[in-house]
All heavy atoms as atom14 arrays in JSON, in Angstrom:
{
  "sequence": "EFTPSTGNLEFSRDTVYLDTIFSNIGSSTYNLKVYNRSDNDISIPSV",
  "atom14_mask": [
    [1, 1, 1, 1, 1, 1, 1, 1, 1, 0, 0, 0, 0, 0],
    [1, 1, 1, 1, 1, 1, 1, 1, 1, 1, 1, 0, 0, 0],
    [1, 1, 1, 1, 1, 1, 1, 0, 0, 0, 0, 0, 0, 0],
    [1, 1, 1, 1, 1, 1, 1, 0, 0, 0, 0, 0, 0, 0],
    [1, 1, 1, 1, 1, 1, 0, 0, 0, 0, 0, 0, 0, 0],
    [1, 1, 1, 1, 1, 1, 1, 0, 0, 0, 0, 0, 0, 0],
    [1, 1, 1, 1, 0, 0, 0, 0, 0, 0, 0, 0, 0, 0],
    [1, 1, 1, 1, 1, 1, 1, 1, 0, 0, 0, 0, 0, 0],
    [1, 1, 1, 1, 1, 1, 1, 1, 0, 0, 0, 0, 0, 0],
    [1, 1, 1, 1, 1, 1, 1, 1, 1, 0, 0, 0, 0, 0],
    [1, 1, 1, 1, 1, 1, 1, 1, 1, 1, 1, 0, 0, 0],
    [1, 1, 1, 1, 1, 1, 0, 0, 0, 0, 0, 0, 0, 0],
    [1, 1, 1, 1, 1, 1, 1, 1, 1, 1, 1, 0, 0, 0],
    [1, 1, 1, 1, 1, 1, 1, 1, 0, 0, 0, 0, 0, 0],
    [1, 1, 1, 1, 1, 1, 1, 0, 0, 0, 0, 0, 0, 0],
    [1, 1, 1, 1, 1, 1, 1, 0, 0, 0, 0, 0, 0, 0],
    [1, 1, 1, 1, 1, 1, 1, 1, 1, 1, 1, 1, 0, 0],
    [1, 1, 1, 1, 1, 1, 1, 1, 0, 0, 0, 0, 0, 0],
    [1, 1, 1, 1, 1, 1, 1, 1, 0, 0, 0, 0, 0, 0],
    [1, 1, 1, 1, 1, 1, 1, 0, 0, 0, 0, 0, 0, 0],
    [1, 1, 1, 1, 1, 1, 1, 1, 0, 0, 0, 0, 0, 0],
    [1, 1, 1, 1, 1, 1, 1, 1, 1, 1, 1, 0, 0, 0],
    [1, 1, 1, 1, 1, 1, 0, 0, 0, 0, 0, 0, 0, 0],
    [1, 1, 1, 1, 1, 1, 1, 1, 0, 0, 0, 0, 0, 0],
    [1, 1, 1, 1, 1, 1, 1, 1, 0, 0, 0, 0, 0, 0],
    [1, 1, 1, 1, 0, 0, 0, 0, 0, 0, 0, 0, 0, 0],
    [1, 1, 1, 1, 1, 1, 0, 0, 0, 0, 0, 0, 0, 0],
    [1, 1, 1, 1, 1, 1, 0, 0, 0, 0, 0, 0, 0, 0],
    [1, 1, 1, 1, 1, 1, 1, 0, 0, 0, 0, 0, 0, 0],
    [1, 1, 1, 1, 1, 1, 1, 1, 1, 1, 1, 1, 0, 0],
    [1, 1, 1, 1, 1, 1, 1, 1, 0, 0, 0, 0, 0, 0],
    [1, 1, 1, 1, 1, 1, 1, 1, 0, 0, 0, 0, 0, 0],
    [1, 1, 1, 1, 1, 1, 1, 1, 1, 0, 0, 0, 0, 0],
    [1, 1, 1, 1, 1, 1, 1, 0, 0, 0, 0, 0, 0, 0],
    [1, 1, 1, 1, 1, 1, 1, 1, 1, 1, 1, 1, 0, 0],
    [1, 1, 1, 1, 1, 1, 1, 1, 0, 0, 0, 0, 0, 0],
    [1, 1, 1, 1, 1, 1, 1, 1, 1, 1, 1, 0, 0, 0],
    [1, 1, 1, 1, 1, 1, 0, 0, 0, 0, 0, 0, 0, 0],
    [1, 1, 1, 1, 1, 1, 1, 1, 0, 0, 0, 0, 0, 0],
    [1, 1, 1, 1, 1, 1, 1, 1, 0, 0, 0, 0, 0, 0],
    [1, 1, 1, 1, 1, 1, 1, 1, 0, 0, 0, 0, 0, 0],
    [1, 1, 1, 1, 1, 1, 1, 1, 0, 0, 0, 0, 0, 0],
    [1, 1, 1, 1, 1, 1, 0, 0, 0, 0, 0, 0, 0, 0],
    [1, 1, 1, 1, 1, 1, 1, 1, 0, 0, 0, 0, 0, 0],
    [1, 1, 1, 1, 1, 1, 1, 0, 0, 0, 0, 0, 0, 0],
    [1, 1, 1, 1, 1, 1, 0, 0, 0, 0, 0, 0, 0, 0],
    [1, 1, 1, 1, 1, 1, 1, 0, 0, 0, 0, 0, 0, 0]
  ],
  "atom14_positions": [
    [[12.47, -2.16, 18.19], [12.59, -0.72, 18.08], [12.3, -0.26, 16.7], [12.98, -0.7, 15.72], [14.07, -0.33, 18.44], [14.43, -0.64, 19.89], [15.86, -0.23, 20.19], [16.54, 0.27, 19.28], [16.26, -0.44, 21.37], [0.0, 0.0, 0.0], [0.0, 0.0, 0.0], [0.0, 0.0, 0.0], [0.0, 0.0, 0.0], [0.0, 0.0, 0.0]],
    [[11.23, 0.53, 16.53], [10.77, 0.95, 15.21], [11.29, 2.37, 14.9], [11.16, 3.31, 15.69], [9.27, 0.97, 15.18], [8.63, -0.38, 15.2], [8.3, -1.0, 16.42], [8.41, -1.1, 14.02], [7.79, -2.29, 16.44], [7.83, -2.38, 14.04], [7.53, -2.96, 15.25], [0.0, 0.0, 0.0], [0.0, 0.0, 0.0], [0.0, 0.0, 0.0]],
    [[11.93, 2.48, 13.76], [12.48, 3.72, 13.31], [11.53, 4.28, 12.21], [10.93, 3.51, 11.47], [13.88, 3.62, 12.79], [13.89, 2.7, 11.67], [14.83, 3.1, 13.89], [0.0, 0.0, 0.0], [0.0, 0.0, 0.0], [0.0, 0.0, 0.0], [0.0, 0.0, 0.0], [0.0, 0.0, 0.0], [0.0, 0.0, 0.0], [0.0, 0.0, 0.0]],
    [[11.42, 5.6, 12.06], [10.54, 6.16, 11.05], [11.04, 5.74, 9.63], [12.22, 5.6, 9.35], [10.72, 7.66, 11.21], [11.17, 7.85, 12.59], [12.04, 6.67, 12.91], [0.0, 0.0, 0.0], [0.0, 0.0, 0.0], [0.0, 0.0, 0.0], [0.0, 0.0, 0.0], [0.0, 0.0, 0.0], [0.0, 0.0, 0.0], [0.0, 0.0, 0.0]],
    [[10.1, 5.42, 8.75], [10.42, 5.04, 7.39], [11.05, 6.22, 6.67], [10.83, 7.4, 7.03], [9.2, 4.61, 6.64], [8.28, 5.65, 6.48], [0.0, 0.0, 0.0], [0.0, 0.0, 0.0], [0.0, 0.0, 0.0], [0.0, 0.0, 0.0], [0.0, 0.0, 0.0], [0.0, 0.0, 0.0], [0.0, 0.0, 0.0], [0.0, 0.0, 0.0]],
    [[11.85, 5.91, 5.67], [12.6, 6.97, 4.94], [12.23, 7.07, 3.51], [13.03, 7.51, 2.66], [14.11, 6.65, 5.07], [14.39, 5.38, 4.54], [14.61, 6.72, 6.52], [0.0, 0.0, 0.0], [0.0, 0.0, 0.0], [0.0, 0.0, 0.0], [0.0, 0.0, 0.0], [0.0, 0.0, 0.0], [0.0, 0.0, 0.0], [0.0, 0.0, 0.0]],
    [[11.06, 6.6, 3.16], [10.6, 6.73, 1.77], [11.08, 5.68, 0.86], [11.11, 5.83, -0.34], [0.0, 0.0, 0.0], [0.0, 0.0, 0.0], [0.0, 0.0, 0.0], [0.0, 0.0, 0.0], [0.0, 0.0, 0.0], [0.0, 0.0, 0.0], [0.0, 0.0, 0.0], [0.0, 0.0, 0.0], [0.0, 0.0, 0.0], [0.0, 0.0, 0.0]],
    [[11.48, 4.51, 1.46], [12.04, 3.44, 0.66], [11.09, 2.23, 0.59], [11.58, 1.08, 0.41], [13.38, 3.02, 1.19], [14.43, 4.1, 0.96], [14.45, 4.71, -0.13], [15.29, 4.32, 1.98], [0.0, 0.0, 0.0], [0.0, 0.0, 0.0], [0.0, 0.0, 0.0], [0.0, 0.0, 0.0], [0.0, 0.0, 0.0], [0.0, 0.0, 0.0]],
    [[9.82, 2.42, 0.74], [8.84, 1.36, 0.69], [8.76, 0.91, -0.73], [8.98, 1.7, -1.7], [7.44, 1.82, 1.14], [7.3, 2.28, 2.6], [5.96, 2.91, 2.85], [7.53, 1.1, 3.53], [0.0, 0.0, 0.0], [0.0, 0.0, 0.0], [0.0, 0.0, 0.0], [0.0, 0.0, 0.0], [0.0, 0.0, 0.0], [0.0, 0.0, 0.0]],
    [[8.41, -0.4, -0.96], [8.14, -0.9, -2.27], [6.72, -1.43, -2.35], [6.17, -1.85, -1.28], [9.15, -2.01, -2.68], [10.54, -1.49, -2.8], [11.56, -2.54, -3.18], [11.08, -3.57, -3.68], [12.77, -2.33, -2.99], [0.0, 0.0, 0.0], [0.0, 0.0, 0.0], [0.0, 0.0, 0.0], [0.0, 0.0, 0.0], [0.0, 0.0, 0.0]],
    [[6.14, -1.45, -3.55], [4.69, -1.79, -3.62], [4.54, -2.87, -4.75], [5.32, -2.98, -5.72], [3.89, -0.58, -4.01], [4.12, 0.62, -3.11], [4.9, 1.66, -3.46], [3.57, 0.56, -1.8], [5.15, 2.71, -2.63], [3.8, 1.64, -0.94], [4.6, 2.71, -1.34], [0.0, 0.0, 0.0], [0.0, 0.0, 0.0], [0.0, 0.0, 0.0]],
    [[3.52, -3.73, -4.56], [3.18, -4.74, -5.56], [2.74, -4.15, -6.9], [2.87, -4.83, -7.88], [2.12, -5.71, -5.01], [0.97, -5.0, -4.69], [0.0, 0.0, 0.0], [0.0, 0.0, 0.0], [0.0, 0.0, 0.0], [0.0, 0.0, 0.0], [0.0, 0.0, 0.0], [0.0, 0.0, 0.0], [0.0, 0.0, 0.0], [0.0, 0.0, 0.0]],
    [[2.27, -2.95, -6.89], [1.91, -2.25, -8.11], [1.93, -0.74, -7.82], [1.77, -0.27, -6.68], [0.54, -2.71, -8.57], [-0.57, -2.44, -7.63], [-1.93, -2.98, -8.1], [-2.15, -4.35, -7.6], [-3.25, -5.02, -7.87], [-4.13, -4.59, -8.72], [-3.36, -6.3, -7.39], [0.0, 0.0, 0.0], [0.0, 0.0, 0.0], [0.0, 0.0, 0.0]],
    [[2.09, 0.0, -8.94], [2.14, 1.5, -8.71], [0.73, 2.13, -8.95], [0.49, 3.28, -8.58], [3.14, 2.16, -9.65], [2.89, 1.83, -11.13], [1.84, 1.36, -11.49], [3.8, 2.17, -11.92], [0.0, 0.0, 0.0], [0.0, 0.0, 0.0], [0.0, 0.0, 0.0], [0.0, 0.0, 0.0], [0.0, 0.0, 0.0], [0.0, 0.0, 0.0]],
    [[-0.19, 1.33, -9.52], [-1.58, 1.83, -9.69], [-2.51, 0.63, -9.47], [-2.37, -0.45, -9.95], [-1.84, 2.35, -11.17], [-0.85, 3.36, -11.44], [-3.21, 2.81, -11.36], [0.0, 0.0, 0.0], [0.0, 0.0, 0.0], [0.0, 0.0, 0.0], [0.0, 0.0, 0.0], [0.0, 0.0, 0.0], [0.0, 0.0, 0.0], [0.0, 0.0, 0.0]],
    [[-3.53, 0.88, -8.65], [-4.56, -0.08, -8.46], [-5.8, 0.3, -9.27], [-6.44, 1.32, -9.07], [-4.98, -0.18, -6.99], [-6.09, -1.23, -6.75], [-3.8, -0.49, -6.08], [0.0, 0.0, 0.0], [0.0, 0.0, 0.0], [0.0, 0.0, 0.0], [0.0, 0.0, 0.0], [0.0, 0.0, 0.0], [0.0, 0.0, 0.0], [0.0, 0.0, 0.0]],
    [[-6.06, -0.51, -10.29], [-7.24, -0.32, -11.14], [-8.37, -1.09, -10.56], [-8.36, -2.32, -10.52], [-6.96, -0.74, -12.56], [-5.87, 0.11, -13.27], [-4.53, -0.37, -13.35], [-6.17, 1.31, -13.83], [-3.56, 0.37, -13.96], [-5.22, 2.07, -14.48], [-3.92, 1.54, -14.57], [-2.89, 2.33, -15.17], [0.0, 0.0, 0.0], [0.0, 0.0, 0.0]],
    [[-9.47, -0.41, -10.16], [-10.62, -1.07, -9.65], [-11.67, -1.43, -10.69], [-12.8, -1.67, -10.46], [-11.28, -0.28, -8.52], [-10.57, -0.44, -7.14], [-9.3, 0.44, -7.1], [-11.47, -0.02, -5.97], [0.0, 0.0, 0.0], [0.0, 0.0, 0.0], [0.0, 0.0, 0.0], [0.0, 0.0, 0.0], [0.0, 0.0, 0.0], [0.0, 0.0, 0.0]],
    [[-11.17, -1.4, -11.97], [-12.01, -1.74, -13.11], [-13.28, -0.89, -13.21], [-13.29, 0.22, -12.66], [-12.33, -3.24, -13.08], [-11.12, -4.14, -13.18], [-10.35, -3.89, -14.16], [-10.89, -4.99, -12.35], [0.0, 0.0, 0.0], [0.0, 0.0, 0.0], [0.0, 0.0, 0.0], [0.0, 0.0, 0.0], [0.0, 0.0, 0.0], [0.0, 0.0, 0.0]],
    [[-14.27, -1.41, -13.81], [-15.51, -0.59, -14.09], [-16.6, -0.97, -13.06], [-16.84, -2.19, -12.82], [-16.0, -0.78, -15.5], [-14.94, -0.46, -16.36], [-17.18, 0.13, -15.76], [0.0, 0.0, 0.0], [0.0, 0.0, 0.0], [0.0, 0.0, 0.0], [0.0, 0.0, 0.0], [0.0, 0.0, 0.0], [0.0, 0.0, 0.0], [0.0, 0.0, 0.0]],
    [[-17.29, -0.03, -12.52], [-18.41, -0.26, -11.6], [-19.6, 0.62, -12.03], [-19.41, 1.62, -12.74], [-18.07, 0.04, -10.16], [-17.7, 1.47, -9.91], [-16.97, -0.88, -9.65], [-17.54, 1.86, -8.48], [0.0, 0.0, 0.0], [0.0, 0.0, 0.0], [0.0, 0.0, 0.0], [0.0, 0.0, 0.0], [0.0, 0.0, 0.0], [0.0, 0.0, 0.0]],
    [[-20.78, 0.21, -11.6], [-21.92, 1.03, -11.82], [-22.07, 2.02, -10.65], [-21.64, 1.75, -9.52], [-23.23, 0.22, -11.92], [-23.35, -0.5, -13.24], [-23.32, -1.88, -13.31], [-23.52, 0.2, -14.38], [-23.53, -2.53, -14.5], [-23.62, -0.4, -15.63], [-23.63, -1.8, -15.67], [0.0, 0.0, 0.0], [0.0, 0.0, 0.0], [0.0, 0.0, 0.0]],
    [[-22.67, 3.16, -10.95], [-22.91, 4.2, -9.93], [-23.67, 3.6, -8.76], [-24.62, 2.88, -8.9], [-23.69, 5.33, -10.56], [-23.96, 6.31, -9.58], [0.0, 0.0, 0.0], [0.0, 0.0, 0.0], [0.0, 0.0, 0.0], [0.0, 0.0, 0.0], [0.0, 0.0, 0.0], [0.0, 0.0, 0.0], [0.0, 0.0, 0.0], [0.0, 0.0, 0.0]],
    [[-23.11, 3.88, -7.56], [-23.76, 3.5, -6.25], [-23.72, 2.0, -5.97], [-24.38, 1.54, -5.05], [-25.15, 4.04, -6.16], [-25.21, 5.51, -6.0], [-24.53, 6.09, -5.17], [-25.97, 6.18, -6.86], [0.0, 0.0, 0.0], [0.0, 0.0, 0.0], [0.0, 0.0, 0.0], [0.0, 0.0, 0.0], [0.0, 0.0, 0.0], [0.0, 0.0, 0.0]],
    [[-22.93, 1.26, -6.74], [-22.8, -0.19, -6.52], [-21.37, -0.4, -6.12], [-20.41, -0.01, -6.77], [-23.16, -1.06, -7.76], [-24.64, -0.95, -8.06], [-22.76, -2.51, -7.47], [-25.07, -1.81, -9.18], [0.0, 0.0, 0.0], [0.0, 0.0, 0.0], [0.0, 0.0, 0.0], [0.0, 0.0, 0.0], [0.0, 0.0, 0.0], [0.0, 0.0, 0.0]],
    [[-21.19, -1.05, -4.96], [-19.82, -1.27, -4.43], [-18.94, -2.14, -5.35], [-19.45, -3.03, -6.01], [0.0, 0.0, 0.0], [0.0, 0.0, 0.0], [0.0, 0.0, 0.0], [0.0, 0.0, 0.0], [0.0, 0.0, 0.0], [0.0, 0.0, 0.0], [0.0, 0.0, 0.0], [0.0, 0.0, 0.0], [0.0, 0.0, 0.0], [0.0, 0.0, 0.0]],
    [[-17.7, -1.85, -5.37], [-16.74, -2.61, -6.16], [-16.38, -3.92, -5.45], [-16.65, -4.16, -4.29], [-15.45, -1.76, -6.41], [-14.7, -1.67, -5.2], [0.0, 0.0, 0.0], [0.0, 0.0, 0.0], [0.0, 0.0, 0.0], [0.0, 0.0, 0.0], [0.0, 0.0, 0.0], [0.0, 0.0, 0.0], [0.0, 0.0, 0.0], [0.0, 0.0, 0.0]],
    [[-15.59, -4.74, -6.14], [-14.93, -5.84, -5.49], [-13.8, -5.28, -4.6], [-13.48, -4.08, -4.68], [-14.36, -6.79, -6.54], [-15.4, -7.49, -7.25], [0.0, 0.0, 0.0], [0.0, 0.0, 0.0], [0.0, 0.0, 0.0], [0.0, 0.0, 0.0], [0.0, 0.0, 0.0], [0.0, 0.0, 0.0], [0.0, 0.0, 0.0], [0.0, 0.0, 0.0]],
    [[-13.23, -6.12, -3.81], [-12.09, -5.74, -2.96], [-10.81, -6.03, -3.71], [-10.57, -7.14, -4.17], [-12.14, -6.45, -1.63], [-13.37, -6.23, -0.97], [-10.98, -6.04, -0.75], [0.0, 0.0, 0.0], [0.0, 0.0, 0.0], [0.0, 0.0, 0.0], [0.0, 0.0, 0.0], [0.0, 0.0, 0.0], [0.0, 0.0, 0.0], [0.0, 0.0, 0.0]],
    [[-9.91, -5.01, -3.77], [-8.63, -5.15, -4.45], [-7.51, -5.02, -3.4], [-7.74, -4.42, -2.36], [-8.47, -4.16, -5.55], [-9.42, -4.34, -6.71], [-10.76, -3.96, -6.61], [-8.98, -4.95, -7.88], [-11.64, -4.21, -7.66], [-9.85, -5.15, -8.93], [-11.22, -4.78, -8.81], [-12.05, -5.01, -9.87], [0.0, 0.0, 0.0], [0.0, 0.0, 0.0]],
    [[-6.33, -5.57, -3.67], [-5.31, -5.49, -2.64], [-4.03, -4.84, -3.18], [-3.73, -4.96, -4.4], [-5.09, -6.85, -2.04], [-4.43, -7.85, -3.05], [-3.3, -7.73, -3.43], [-5.24, -8.82, -3.46], [0.0, 0.0, 0.0], [0.0, 0.0, 0.0], [0.0, 0.0, 0.0], [0.0, 0.0, 0.0], [0.0, 0.0, 0.0], [0.0, 0.0, 0.0]],
    [[-3.29, -4.27, -2.3], [-1.97, -3.73, -2.58], [-1.06, -4.29, -1.5], [-1.4, -4.23, -0.27], [-2.03, -2.16, -2.48], [-0.68, -1.45, -2.53], [-0.08, -1.56, -3.92], [-0.88, 0.02, -2.14], [0.0, 0.0, 0.0], [0.0, 0.0, 0.0], [0.0, 0.0, 0.0], [0.0, 0.0, 0.0], [0.0, 0.0, 0.0], [0.0, 0.0, 0.0]],
    [[0.11, -4.75, -1.86], [1.05, -5.24, -0.92], [2.19, -4.24, -0.74], [2.74, -3.74, -1.71], [1.62, -6.59, -1.3], [2.13, -7.43, -0.14], [2.37, -8.84, -0.62], [2.74, -9.74, 0.64], [3.0, -11.11, 0.23], [0.0, 0.0, 0.0], [0.0, 0.0, 0.0], [0.0, 0.0, 0.0], [0.0, 0.0, 0.0], [0.0, 0.0, 0.0]],
    [[2.52, -3.9, 0.51], [3.54, -2.93, 0.81], [4.74, -3.66, 1.43], [4.58, -4.45, 2.43], [3.02, -1.83, 1.82], [4.09, -0.8, 2.08], [1.76, -1.23, 1.29], [0.0, 0.0, 0.0], [0.0, 0.0, 0.0], [0.0, 0.0, 0.0], [0.0, 0.0, 0.0], [0.0, 0.0, 0.0], [0.0, 0.0, 0.0], [0.0, 0.0, 0.0]],
    [[5.93, -3.45, 0.95], [7.12, -4.22, 1.35], [8.13, -3.29, 2.1], [8.41, -2.18, 1.63], [7.85, -4.81, 0.19], [7.03, -5.84, -0.58], [6.31, -5.41, -1.69], [6.97, -7.16, -0.23], [5.54, -6.31, -2.44], [6.21, -8.04, -0.95], [5.51, -7.67, -2.04], [4.75, -8.56, -2.77], [0.0, 0.0, 0.0], [0.0, 0.0, 0.0]],
    [[8.65, -3.79, 3.2], [9.79, -3.25, 3.86], [11.01, -4.09, 3.58], [11.19, -5.15, 4.18], [9.57, -3.11, 5.33], [10.78, -2.62, 6.09], [11.75, -2.07, 5.49], [10.82, -2.88, 7.38], [0.0, 0.0, 0.0], [0.0, 0.0, 0.0], [0.0, 0.0, 0.0], [0.0, 0.0, 0.0], [0.0, 0.0, 0.0], [0.0, 0.0, 0.0]],
    [[11.83, -3.74, 2.6], [12.96, -4.55, 2.15], [14.22, -4.33, 3.09], [15.23, -5.0, 2.94], [13.36, -4.24, 0.74], [12.26, -4.33, -0.27], [11.86, -5.77, -0.54], [10.97, -5.86, -1.7], [10.3, -6.94, -2.02], [10.4, -8.01, -1.32], [9.55, -6.97, -3.17], [0.0, 0.0, 0.0], [0.0, 0.0, 0.0], [0.0, 0.0, 0.0]],
    [[14.16, -3.35, 4.01], [15.31, -2.98, 4.81], [15.51, -3.95, 5.96], [14.68, -4.84, 6.21], [15.1, -1.58, 5.36], [14.19, -1.55, 6.38], [0.0, 0.0, 0.0], [0.0, 0.0, 0.0], [0.0, 0.0, 0.0], [0.0, 0.0, 0.0], [0.0, 0.0, 0.0], [0.0, 0.0, 0.0], [0.0, 0.0, 0.0], [0.0, 0.0, 0.0]],
    [[16.57, -3.83, 6.66], [16.93, -4.63, 7.82], [16.39, -4.04, 9.07], [16.62, -4.59, 10.16], [18.46, -4.78, 7.9], [19.09, -5.54, 6.72], [18.41, -6.5, 6.22], [20.18, -5.2, 6.31], [0.0, 0.0, 0.0], [0.0, 0.0, 0.0], [0.0, 0.0, 0.0], [0.0, 0.0, 0.0], [0.0, 0.0, 0.0], [0.0, 0.0, 0.0]],
    [[15.7, -2.94, 8.96], [15.17, -2.24, 10.24], [13.67, -2.42, 10.34], [12.92, -2.41, 9.29], [15.55, -0.74, 10.17], [17.02, -0.55, 10.08], [17.78, -1.22, 10.75], [17.46, 0.39, 9.25], [0.0, 0.0, 0.0], [0.0, 0.0, 0.0], [0.0, 0.0, 0.0], [0.0, 0.0, 0.0], [0.0, 0.0, 0.0], [0.0, 0.0, 0.0]],
    [[13.22, -2.48, 11.59], [11.79, -2.4, 11.9], [11.37, -0.93, 11.67], [12.05, -0.01, 12.3], [11.45, -2.88, 13.2], [11.88, -4.32, 13.44], [11.89, -5.09, 12.46], [12.22, -4.67, 14.57], [0.0, 0.0, 0.0], [0.0, 0.0, 0.0], [0.0, 0.0, 0.0], [0.0, 0.0, 0.0], [0.0, 0.0, 0.0], [0.0, 0.0, 0.0]],
    [[10.36, -0.65, 10.91], [10.02, 0.77, 10.62], [8.61, 1.06, 11.04], [7.76, 0.19, 11.17], [10.25, 1.11, 9.12], [9.27, 0.3, 8.26], [11.7, 0.96, 8.73], [9.28, 0.72, 6.79], [0.0, 0.0, 0.0], [0.0, 0.0, 0.0], [0.0, 0.0, 0.0], [0.0, 0.0, 0.0], [0.0, 0.0, 0.0], [0.0, 0.0, 0.0]],
    [[8.32, 2.36, 11.21], [6.96, 2.86, 11.43], [6.7, 3.91, 10.35], [7.47, 4.85, 10.17], [6.93, 3.54, 12.82], [5.64, 4.15, 12.96], [0.0, 0.0, 0.0], [0.0, 0.0, 0.0], [0.0, 0.0, 0.0], [0.0, 0.0, 0.0], [0.0, 0.0, 0.0], [0.0, 0.0, 0.0], [0.0, 0.0, 0.0], [0.0, 0.0, 0.0]],
    [[5.61, 3.66, 9.65], [5.19, 4.59, 8.59], [4.32, 5.7, 9.29], [3.28, 5.37, 9.83], [4.35, 3.9, 7.52], [5.11, 2.66, 6.98], [4.1, 4.82, 6.38], [4.34, 1.75, 6.08], [0.0, 0.0, 0.0], [0.0, 0.0, 0.0], [0.0, 0.0, 0.0], [0.0, 0.0, 0.0], [0.0, 0.0, 0.0], [0.0, 0.0, 0.0]],
    [[4.79, 6.88, 9.31], [4.11, 7.95, 10.11], [2.62, 8.15, 9.68], [1.74, 8.34, 10.54], [4.91, 9.23, 9.8], [6.25, 8.77, 9.47], [6.04, 7.45, 8.77], [0.0, 0.0, 0.0], [0.0, 0.0, 0.0], [0.0, 0.0, 0.0], [0.0, 0.0, 0.0], [0.0, 0.0, 0.0], [0.0, 0.0, 0.0], [0.0, 0.0, 0.0]],
    [[2.33, 8.01, 8.42], [0.93, 8.13, 7.97], [0.7, 7.37, 6.66], [1.57, 7.29, 5.84], [0.64, 9.61, 7.73], [1.25, 10.13, 6.59], [0.0, 0.0, 0.0], [0.0, 0.0, 0.0], [0.0, 0.0, 0.0], [0.0, 0.0, 0.0], [0.0, 0.0, 0.0], [0.0, 0.0, 0.0], [0.0, 0.0, 0.0], [0.0, 0.0, 0.0]],
    [[-0.49, 6.77, 6.58], [-1.0, 6.19, 5.39], [-2.43, 6.71, 5.21], [-3.27, 6.61, 6.11], [-1.02, 4.63, 5.48], [-1.69, 4.08, 4.2], [0.34, 4.02, 5.72], [0.0, 0.0, 0.0], [0.0, 0.0, 0.0], [0.0, 0.0, 0.0], [0.0, 0.0, 0.0], [0.0, 0.0, 0.0], [0.0, 0.0, 0.0], [0.0, 0.0, 0.0]]
  ]
}
């Protein structure tokens, strides 16, 4: 049973810096980890 999240997500970082790229050249792939520290299964309404 998934309950709506209440704004208590935690993140591996507060800013993702994709470093420097040249115009029209794709960047590397960077990652962000999102944590649900609660005891409830949650549903995030929108990302």
